[in-house]
N, C-alpha and C. Protein backbone atom coordinates (compact mmCIF):
# COMPACT_ATOMS: atom_id res chain seq x y z
N UNK A 1 82.16 22.55 77.05
CA UNK A 1 82.49 23.86 76.64
C UNK A 1 82.83 23.89 75.16
N UNK A 2 82.61 25.01 74.55
CA UNK A 2 82.84 25.13 73.11
C UNK A 2 84.31 25.48 72.89
N UNK A 3 84.90 24.76 72.00
CA UNK A 3 86.28 25.06 71.65
C UNK A 3 86.27 25.91 70.39
N UNK A 4 86.94 27.02 70.47
CA UNK A 4 87.04 27.90 69.32
C UNK A 4 88.47 27.87 68.80
N UNK A 5 88.54 27.94 67.51
CA UNK A 5 89.86 28.00 66.92
C UNK A 5 90.37 29.42 67.00
N UNK A 6 91.68 29.58 66.79
CA UNK A 6 92.30 30.90 66.86
C UNK A 6 91.65 31.85 65.86
N UNK A 7 91.33 31.38 64.69
CA UNK A 7 90.75 32.21 63.65
C UNK A 7 89.37 32.72 64.09
N UNK A 8 88.58 31.88 64.72
CA UNK A 8 87.25 32.26 65.18
C UNK A 8 87.34 33.29 66.32
N UNK A 9 88.32 33.14 67.19
CA UNK A 9 88.51 34.08 68.29
C UNK A 9 88.86 35.46 67.73
N UNK A 10 89.70 35.50 66.73
CA UNK A 10 90.08 36.76 66.11
C UNK A 10 88.85 37.43 65.48
N UNK A 11 88.04 36.68 64.79
CA UNK A 11 86.85 37.23 64.12
C UNK A 11 85.87 37.78 65.16
N UNK A 12 85.64 37.06 66.22
CA UNK A 12 84.73 37.52 67.27
C UNK A 12 85.29 38.79 67.93
N UNK A 13 86.57 38.82 68.19
CA UNK A 13 87.21 40.00 68.80
C UNK A 13 87.08 41.21 67.90
N UNK A 14 87.30 41.03 66.62
CA UNK A 14 87.19 42.14 65.67
C UNK A 14 85.74 42.64 65.60
N UNK A 15 84.77 41.73 65.60
CA UNK A 15 83.36 42.12 65.56
C UNK A 15 82.99 42.93 66.81
N UNK A 16 83.45 42.51 67.96
CA UNK A 16 83.16 43.23 69.20
C UNK A 16 83.80 44.62 69.15
N UNK A 17 85.03 44.70 68.67
CA UNK A 17 85.71 45.98 68.56
C UNK A 17 84.99 46.91 67.60
N UNK A 18 84.54 46.40 66.46
CA UNK A 18 83.82 47.21 65.47
C UNK A 18 82.50 47.72 66.06
N UNK A 19 81.78 46.86 66.76
CA UNK A 19 80.52 47.26 67.38
C UNK A 19 80.77 48.35 68.43
N UNK A 20 81.80 48.18 69.22
CA UNK A 20 82.14 49.17 70.25
C UNK A 20 82.49 50.51 69.62
N UNK A 21 83.36 50.52 68.63
CA UNK A 21 83.78 51.76 67.97
C UNK A 21 82.59 52.42 67.29
N UNK A 22 81.74 51.61 66.65
CA UNK A 22 80.55 52.15 65.99
C UNK A 22 79.61 52.83 66.98
N UNK A 23 79.43 52.22 68.14
CA UNK A 23 78.54 52.83 69.14
C UNK A 23 79.13 54.12 69.70
N UNK A 24 80.44 54.15 69.89
CA UNK A 24 81.09 55.38 70.38
C UNK A 24 80.93 56.49 69.34
N UNK A 25 81.14 56.18 68.07
CA UNK A 25 80.99 57.18 67.01
C UNK A 25 79.54 57.66 66.94
N UNK A 26 78.59 56.76 67.03
CA UNK A 26 77.18 57.15 66.98
C UNK A 26 76.81 58.04 68.16
N UNK A 27 77.29 57.71 69.32
CA UNK A 27 77.05 58.53 70.50
C UNK A 27 77.65 59.92 70.33
N UNK A 28 78.86 59.97 69.82
CA UNK A 28 79.52 61.26 69.61
C UNK A 28 78.76 62.12 68.60
N UNK A 29 78.28 61.51 67.54
CA UNK A 29 77.53 62.26 66.53
C UNK A 29 76.22 62.80 67.08
N UNK A 30 75.53 62.02 67.87
CA UNK A 30 74.27 62.51 68.44
C UNK A 30 74.52 63.64 69.42
N UNK A 31 75.58 63.55 70.19
CA UNK A 31 75.89 64.60 71.16
C UNK A 31 76.31 65.89 70.48
N UNK A 32 77.16 65.83 69.48
CA UNK A 32 77.58 67.05 68.78
C UNK A 32 76.42 67.66 68.03
N UNK A 33 75.50 66.84 67.55
CA UNK A 33 74.31 67.37 66.89
C UNK A 33 73.48 68.18 67.86
N UNK A 34 73.33 67.70 69.09
CA UNK A 34 72.57 68.44 70.11
C UNK A 34 73.27 69.74 70.48
N UNK A 35 74.58 69.71 70.57
CA UNK A 35 75.34 70.91 70.92
C UNK A 35 75.20 71.93 69.80
N UNK A 36 75.32 71.49 68.57
CA UNK A 36 75.22 72.41 67.44
C UNK A 36 73.84 73.03 67.37
N UNK A 37 72.79 72.24 67.59
CA UNK A 37 71.45 72.81 67.54
C UNK A 37 71.19 73.73 68.72
N UNK A 38 71.76 73.41 69.87
CA UNK A 38 71.59 74.28 71.04
C UNK A 38 72.32 75.60 70.82
N UNK A 39 73.48 75.55 70.20
CA UNK A 39 74.24 76.77 69.96
C UNK A 39 73.55 77.64 68.92
N UNK A 40 72.96 77.03 67.91
CA UNK A 40 72.32 77.82 66.86
C UNK A 40 71.02 78.44 67.36
N UNK A 41 70.33 77.82 68.27
CA UNK A 41 69.10 78.37 68.80
C UNK A 41 69.28 78.67 70.29
N UNK A 42 70.31 79.44 70.57
CA UNK A 42 70.66 79.75 71.95
C UNK A 42 69.52 80.45 72.67
N UNK A 43 69.26 80.04 73.87
CA UNK A 43 68.22 80.69 74.66
C UNK A 43 68.84 81.56 75.74
N UNK A 44 70.10 81.93 75.53
CA UNK A 44 70.81 82.79 76.47
C UNK A 44 71.11 84.12 75.79
N UNK A 45 70.69 85.19 76.41
CA UNK A 45 70.98 86.52 75.90
C UNK A 45 72.02 87.20 76.76
N UNK A 46 72.74 88.14 76.16
CA UNK A 46 73.70 88.93 76.92
C UNK A 46 73.37 90.40 76.69
N UNK A 47 73.69 91.22 77.69
CA UNK A 47 73.43 92.64 77.58
C UNK A 47 74.53 93.43 78.26
N UNK A 48 74.88 94.54 77.67
CA UNK A 48 75.78 95.49 78.31
C UNK A 48 74.88 96.38 79.17
N UNK A 49 74.71 95.97 80.42
CA UNK A 49 73.75 96.62 81.31
C UNK A 49 74.09 98.09 81.52
N UNK A 50 75.37 98.39 81.65
CA UNK A 50 75.78 99.78 81.87
C UNK A 50 75.40 100.65 80.68
N UNK A 51 75.61 100.14 79.47
CA UNK A 51 75.26 100.91 78.27
C UNK A 51 73.75 101.11 78.19
N UNK A 52 72.98 100.07 78.50
CA UNK A 52 71.52 100.18 78.46
C UNK A 52 71.04 101.18 79.51
N UNK A 53 71.62 101.12 80.70
CA UNK A 53 71.24 102.05 81.76
C UNK A 53 71.56 103.48 81.35
N UNK A 54 72.76 103.69 80.82
CA UNK A 54 73.20 105.03 80.41
C UNK A 54 72.35 105.58 79.27
N UNK A 55 71.75 104.71 78.47
CA UNK A 55 70.94 105.14 77.33
C UNK A 55 69.52 105.54 77.74
N UNK A 56 69.15 105.26 78.97
CA UNK A 56 67.79 105.61 79.41
C UNK A 56 67.63 107.13 79.34
N UNK A 57 66.50 107.61 78.83
CA UNK A 57 66.31 109.06 78.67
C UNK A 57 66.37 109.87 79.96
N UNK A 58 66.08 109.27 81.10
CA UNK A 58 66.05 110.01 82.36
C UNK A 58 67.41 110.08 83.06
N UNK A 59 68.44 109.47 82.49
CA UNK A 59 69.75 109.46 83.16
C UNK A 59 70.34 110.87 83.24
N UNK A 60 70.17 111.68 82.21
CA UNK A 60 70.68 113.05 82.25
C UNK A 60 70.02 113.83 83.38
N UNK A 61 68.72 113.67 83.51
CA UNK A 61 67.97 114.33 84.58
C UNK A 61 68.46 113.84 85.94
N UNK A 62 68.72 112.53 86.06
CA UNK A 62 69.22 111.96 87.30
C UNK A 62 70.55 112.60 87.69
N UNK A 63 71.45 112.74 86.72
CA UNK A 63 72.76 113.32 87.01
C UNK A 63 72.64 114.77 87.48
N UNK A 64 71.79 115.56 86.84
CA UNK A 64 71.64 116.95 87.26
C UNK A 64 70.98 117.05 88.63
N UNK A 65 70.01 116.18 88.91
CA UNK A 65 69.37 116.19 90.22
C UNK A 65 70.37 115.79 91.32
N UNK A 66 71.23 114.81 91.02
CA UNK A 66 72.23 114.40 92.00
C UNK A 66 73.22 115.52 92.27
N UNK A 67 73.65 116.22 91.22
CA UNK A 67 74.57 117.35 91.41
C UNK A 67 73.94 118.42 92.28
N UNK A 68 72.67 118.73 92.02
CA UNK A 68 71.96 119.72 92.82
C UNK A 68 71.86 119.28 94.27
N UNK A 69 71.50 118.03 94.49
CA UNK A 69 71.37 117.49 95.84
C UNK A 69 72.71 117.54 96.57
N UNK A 70 73.77 117.12 95.90
CA UNK A 70 75.11 117.12 96.52
C UNK A 70 75.53 118.53 96.89
N UNK A 71 75.28 119.48 95.99
CA UNK A 71 75.66 120.88 96.27
C UNK A 71 74.87 121.44 97.45
N UNK A 72 73.57 121.13 97.50
CA UNK A 72 72.74 121.60 98.62
C UNK A 72 73.22 121.00 99.94
N UNK A 73 73.49 119.71 99.95
CA UNK A 73 73.92 119.05 101.18
C UNK A 73 75.31 119.54 101.58
N UNK A 74 76.18 119.78 100.61
CA UNK A 74 77.53 120.30 100.92
C UNK A 74 77.43 121.69 101.54
N UNK A 75 76.58 122.53 100.97
CA UNK A 75 76.39 123.89 101.51
C UNK A 75 75.83 123.81 102.93
N UNK A 76 74.84 122.96 103.13
CA UNK A 76 74.24 122.76 104.45
C UNK A 76 75.29 122.25 105.44
N UNK A 77 76.13 121.32 105.00
CA UNK A 77 77.18 120.77 105.87
C UNK A 77 78.16 121.87 106.27
N UNK A 78 78.59 122.67 105.30
CA UNK A 78 79.54 123.75 105.60
C UNK A 78 78.97 124.74 106.60
N UNK A 79 77.68 125.06 106.45
CA UNK A 79 77.05 126.03 107.36
C UNK A 79 76.88 125.45 108.77
N UNK A 80 76.37 124.24 108.86
CA UNK A 80 76.04 123.66 110.16
C UNK A 80 77.26 123.11 110.90
N UNK A 81 78.30 122.74 110.17
CA UNK A 81 79.44 122.12 110.84
C UNK A 81 80.48 123.13 111.32
N UNK A 82 80.26 124.40 111.07
CA UNK A 82 81.24 125.43 111.44
C UNK A 82 81.53 125.44 112.94
N UNK A 83 80.53 125.26 113.78
CA UNK A 83 80.72 125.31 115.22
C UNK A 83 80.86 123.94 115.87
N UNK A 84 81.02 122.88 115.09
CA UNK A 84 81.08 121.53 115.65
C UNK A 84 82.51 121.09 115.89
N UNK A 85 82.66 120.17 116.88
CA UNK A 85 83.98 119.58 117.09
C UNK A 85 84.19 118.47 116.05
N UNK A 86 85.36 117.86 116.05
CA UNK A 86 85.69 116.86 115.02
C UNK A 86 84.75 115.65 115.03
N UNK A 87 84.40 115.17 116.20
CA UNK A 87 83.50 114.00 116.28
C UNK A 87 82.12 114.35 115.75
N UNK A 88 81.60 115.51 116.14
CA UNK A 88 80.29 115.93 115.66
C UNK A 88 80.29 116.12 114.14
N UNK A 89 81.39 116.69 113.62
CA UNK A 89 81.51 116.86 112.17
C UNK A 89 81.51 115.51 111.46
N UNK A 90 82.25 114.56 112.01
CA UNK A 90 82.31 113.22 111.40
C UNK A 90 80.94 112.56 111.40
N UNK A 91 80.22 112.66 112.51
CA UNK A 91 78.88 112.09 112.60
C UNK A 91 77.93 112.76 111.60
N UNK A 92 77.99 114.08 111.54
CA UNK A 92 77.13 114.82 110.63
C UNK A 92 77.50 114.52 109.16
N UNK A 93 78.78 114.36 108.90
CA UNK A 93 79.25 114.01 107.56
C UNK A 93 78.66 112.66 107.14
N UNK A 94 78.66 111.68 108.03
CA UNK A 94 78.09 110.37 107.73
C UNK A 94 76.58 110.46 107.47
N UNK A 95 75.91 111.33 108.23
CA UNK A 95 74.48 111.53 107.99
C UNK A 95 74.24 112.12 106.60
N UNK A 96 75.09 113.07 106.24
CA UNK A 96 74.97 113.69 104.91
C UNK A 96 75.24 112.67 103.80
N UNK A 97 76.24 111.84 103.99
CA UNK A 97 76.55 110.80 103.02
C UNK A 97 75.37 109.84 102.86
N UNK A 98 74.75 109.51 103.96
CA UNK A 98 73.59 108.62 103.94
C UNK A 98 72.42 109.27 103.20
N UNK A 99 72.21 110.55 103.41
CA UNK A 99 71.15 111.27 102.69
C UNK A 99 71.41 111.27 101.19
N UNK A 100 72.66 111.45 100.81
CA UNK A 100 73.02 111.43 99.38
C UNK A 100 72.77 110.04 98.79
N UNK A 101 73.18 109.01 99.51
CA UNK A 101 72.97 107.64 99.04
C UNK A 101 71.48 107.32 98.90
N UNK A 102 70.68 107.77 99.85
CA UNK A 102 69.23 107.54 99.78
C UNK A 102 68.60 108.26 98.59
N UNK A 103 69.05 109.49 98.34
CA UNK A 103 68.53 110.26 97.21
C UNK A 103 68.92 109.57 95.89
N UNK A 104 70.16 109.09 95.83
CA UNK A 104 70.61 108.40 94.62
C UNK A 104 69.77 107.14 94.40
N UNK A 105 69.53 106.38 95.44
CA UNK A 105 68.71 105.17 95.32
C UNK A 105 67.30 105.52 94.86
N UNK A 106 66.76 106.59 95.40
CA UNK A 106 65.41 107.04 95.04
C UNK A 106 65.33 107.41 93.56
N UNK A 107 66.38 108.03 93.03
CA UNK A 107 66.38 108.44 91.63
C UNK A 107 66.73 107.30 90.67
N UNK A 108 67.58 106.38 91.10
CA UNK A 108 68.04 105.28 90.24
C UNK A 108 67.00 104.17 90.11
N UNK A 109 66.26 103.93 91.16
CA UNK A 109 65.34 102.79 91.20
C UNK A 109 64.33 102.78 90.04
N UNK A 110 63.65 103.88 89.72
CA UNK A 110 62.70 103.83 88.59
C UNK A 110 63.40 103.54 87.25
N UNK A 111 64.60 104.06 87.07
CA UNK A 111 65.35 103.80 85.84
C UNK A 111 65.75 102.33 85.78
N UNK A 112 66.23 101.79 86.89
CA UNK A 112 66.63 100.39 86.94
C UNK A 112 65.44 99.49 86.61
N UNK A 113 64.28 99.80 87.19
CA UNK A 113 63.08 99.01 86.91
C UNK A 113 62.69 99.08 85.44
N UNK A 114 62.79 100.27 84.84
CA UNK A 114 62.45 100.44 83.42
C UNK A 114 63.41 99.66 82.53
N UNK A 115 64.70 99.69 82.85
CA UNK A 115 65.70 98.94 82.07
C UNK A 115 65.42 97.44 82.17
N UNK A 116 65.16 96.96 83.36
CA UNK A 116 64.89 95.54 83.55
C UNK A 116 63.59 95.12 82.86
N UNK A 117 62.58 95.99 82.87
CA UNK A 117 61.33 95.67 82.16
C UNK A 117 61.58 95.60 80.66
N UNK A 118 62.41 96.48 80.16
CA UNK A 118 62.74 96.47 78.73
C UNK A 118 63.54 95.22 78.38
N UNK A 119 64.47 94.83 79.24
CA UNK A 119 65.24 93.60 79.02
C UNK A 119 64.29 92.41 78.95
N UNK A 120 63.35 92.34 79.88
CA UNK A 120 62.39 91.24 79.89
C UNK A 120 61.53 91.24 78.63
N UNK A 121 61.10 92.40 78.21
CA UNK A 121 60.26 92.52 77.01
C UNK A 121 61.01 92.01 75.77
N UNK A 122 62.26 92.47 75.60
CA UNK A 122 63.06 92.05 74.44
C UNK A 122 63.38 90.55 74.53
N UNK A 123 63.72 90.08 75.72
CA UNK A 123 64.05 88.66 75.90
C UNK A 123 62.84 87.78 75.57
N UNK A 124 61.67 88.18 76.03
CA UNK A 124 60.45 87.41 75.73
C UNK A 124 60.17 87.40 74.23
N UNK A 125 60.35 88.55 73.59
CA UNK A 125 60.12 88.64 72.15
C UNK A 125 61.06 87.73 71.37
N UNK A 126 62.31 87.60 71.83
CA UNK A 126 63.31 86.79 71.14
C UNK A 126 63.33 85.34 71.63
N UNK A 127 62.51 85.01 72.62
CA UNK A 127 62.45 83.64 73.12
C UNK A 127 63.65 83.25 73.96
N UNK A 128 64.22 84.21 74.66
CA UNK A 128 65.39 83.94 75.50
C UNK A 128 64.95 83.54 76.90
N UNK A 129 65.56 82.50 77.43
CA UNK A 129 65.22 82.03 78.77
C UNK A 129 66.02 82.75 79.83
N UNK A 130 67.25 83.17 79.48
CA UNK A 130 68.16 83.79 80.44
C UNK A 130 68.86 84.96 79.76
N UNK A 131 69.05 86.05 80.51
CA UNK A 131 69.85 87.18 80.03
C UNK A 131 70.90 87.47 81.09
N UNK A 132 72.15 87.50 80.65
CA UNK A 132 73.29 87.68 81.56
C UNK A 132 74.03 88.95 81.16
N UNK A 133 74.57 89.64 82.16
CA UNK A 133 75.39 90.81 81.89
C UNK A 133 76.60 90.41 81.06
N UNK A 134 76.87 91.20 80.05
CA UNK A 134 77.96 90.90 79.10
C UNK A 134 79.31 90.77 79.80
N UNK A 135 79.49 91.45 80.92
CA UNK A 135 80.76 91.41 81.65
C UNK A 135 81.03 90.01 82.22
N UNK A 136 79.99 89.21 82.40
CA UNK A 136 80.14 87.88 82.99
C UNK A 136 80.29 86.78 81.94
N UNK A 137 80.19 87.14 80.66
CA UNK A 137 80.20 86.14 79.60
C UNK A 137 81.54 86.15 78.88
N UNK A 138 82.11 84.98 78.72
CA UNK A 138 83.37 84.85 77.99
C UNK A 138 83.08 84.65 76.50
N UNK A 139 82.10 83.80 76.21
CA UNK A 139 81.81 83.46 74.83
C UNK A 139 80.35 83.07 74.70
N UNK A 140 79.73 83.48 73.60
CA UNK A 140 78.39 83.02 73.27
C UNK A 140 77.29 83.93 73.76
N UNK A 141 76.09 83.51 73.49
CA UNK A 141 74.91 84.27 73.87
C UNK A 141 74.52 85.25 72.78
N UNK A 142 73.26 85.60 72.76
CA UNK A 142 72.72 86.53 71.78
C UNK A 142 72.70 87.92 72.40
N UNK A 143 73.42 88.87 71.81
CA UNK A 143 73.51 90.22 72.35
C UNK A 143 72.22 90.98 72.04
N UNK A 144 71.56 91.46 73.10
CA UNK A 144 70.30 92.20 72.94
C UNK A 144 70.43 93.66 73.36
N UNK A 145 71.65 94.12 73.56
CA UNK A 145 71.87 95.49 74.06
C UNK A 145 71.20 96.53 73.17
N UNK A 146 71.43 96.45 71.87
CA UNK A 146 70.88 97.47 70.97
C UNK A 146 69.35 97.43 70.93
N UNK A 147 68.78 96.25 71.02
CA UNK A 147 67.33 96.13 71.03
C UNK A 147 66.74 96.76 72.29
N UNK A 148 67.39 96.56 73.41
CA UNK A 148 66.91 97.14 74.68
C UNK A 148 67.04 98.67 74.63
N UNK A 149 68.16 99.15 74.13
CA UNK A 149 68.35 100.61 74.02
C UNK A 149 67.28 101.22 73.10
N UNK A 150 66.99 100.54 72.00
CA UNK A 150 65.93 101.04 71.09
C UNK A 150 64.58 101.04 71.80
N UNK A 151 64.30 100.01 72.57
CA UNK A 151 63.03 99.94 73.31
C UNK A 151 62.95 101.05 74.35
N UNK A 152 64.05 101.33 75.02
CA UNK A 152 64.07 102.40 76.03
C UNK A 152 63.85 103.77 75.38
N UNK A 153 64.34 103.93 74.16
CA UNK A 153 64.17 105.20 73.46
C UNK A 153 62.73 105.50 73.07
N UNK A 154 61.92 104.45 72.98
CA UNK A 154 60.51 104.61 72.64
C UNK A 154 59.69 105.17 73.79
N UNK A 155 60.20 105.01 75.01
CA UNK A 155 59.43 105.40 76.19
C UNK A 155 59.52 106.87 76.46
């Protein structure tokens, strides 16, 4: 076996420690470099979906159509439920609520599809892989709300 003097053991130990610390520092530098480049070229977009939806040109029309529908159904309910007992009124009320919900879905769906198509168009143009609602994001991401609203205004 090789006998090492105390001085040689110290030198070898210091060399091993220096190599270890150097590799840890190099690893840390490469990792922070990747994080910095990923943050600067983020492929995650964020959008205020409610604001984009509200900015769609057909939303005003949707609101007036819903008011008209609700008033018509309310008038119909008042007329038809006059001679009904409580259970019949409750059943008819639920039917009316369901009709209102179906009408709302019918009116909202084309707007929702248009907003989502606009989001996809803007995201593709900006090279974004993912777009998340702004309400779910704590920090980061590229905000595309104004771009989507501008795109919706063109339609």
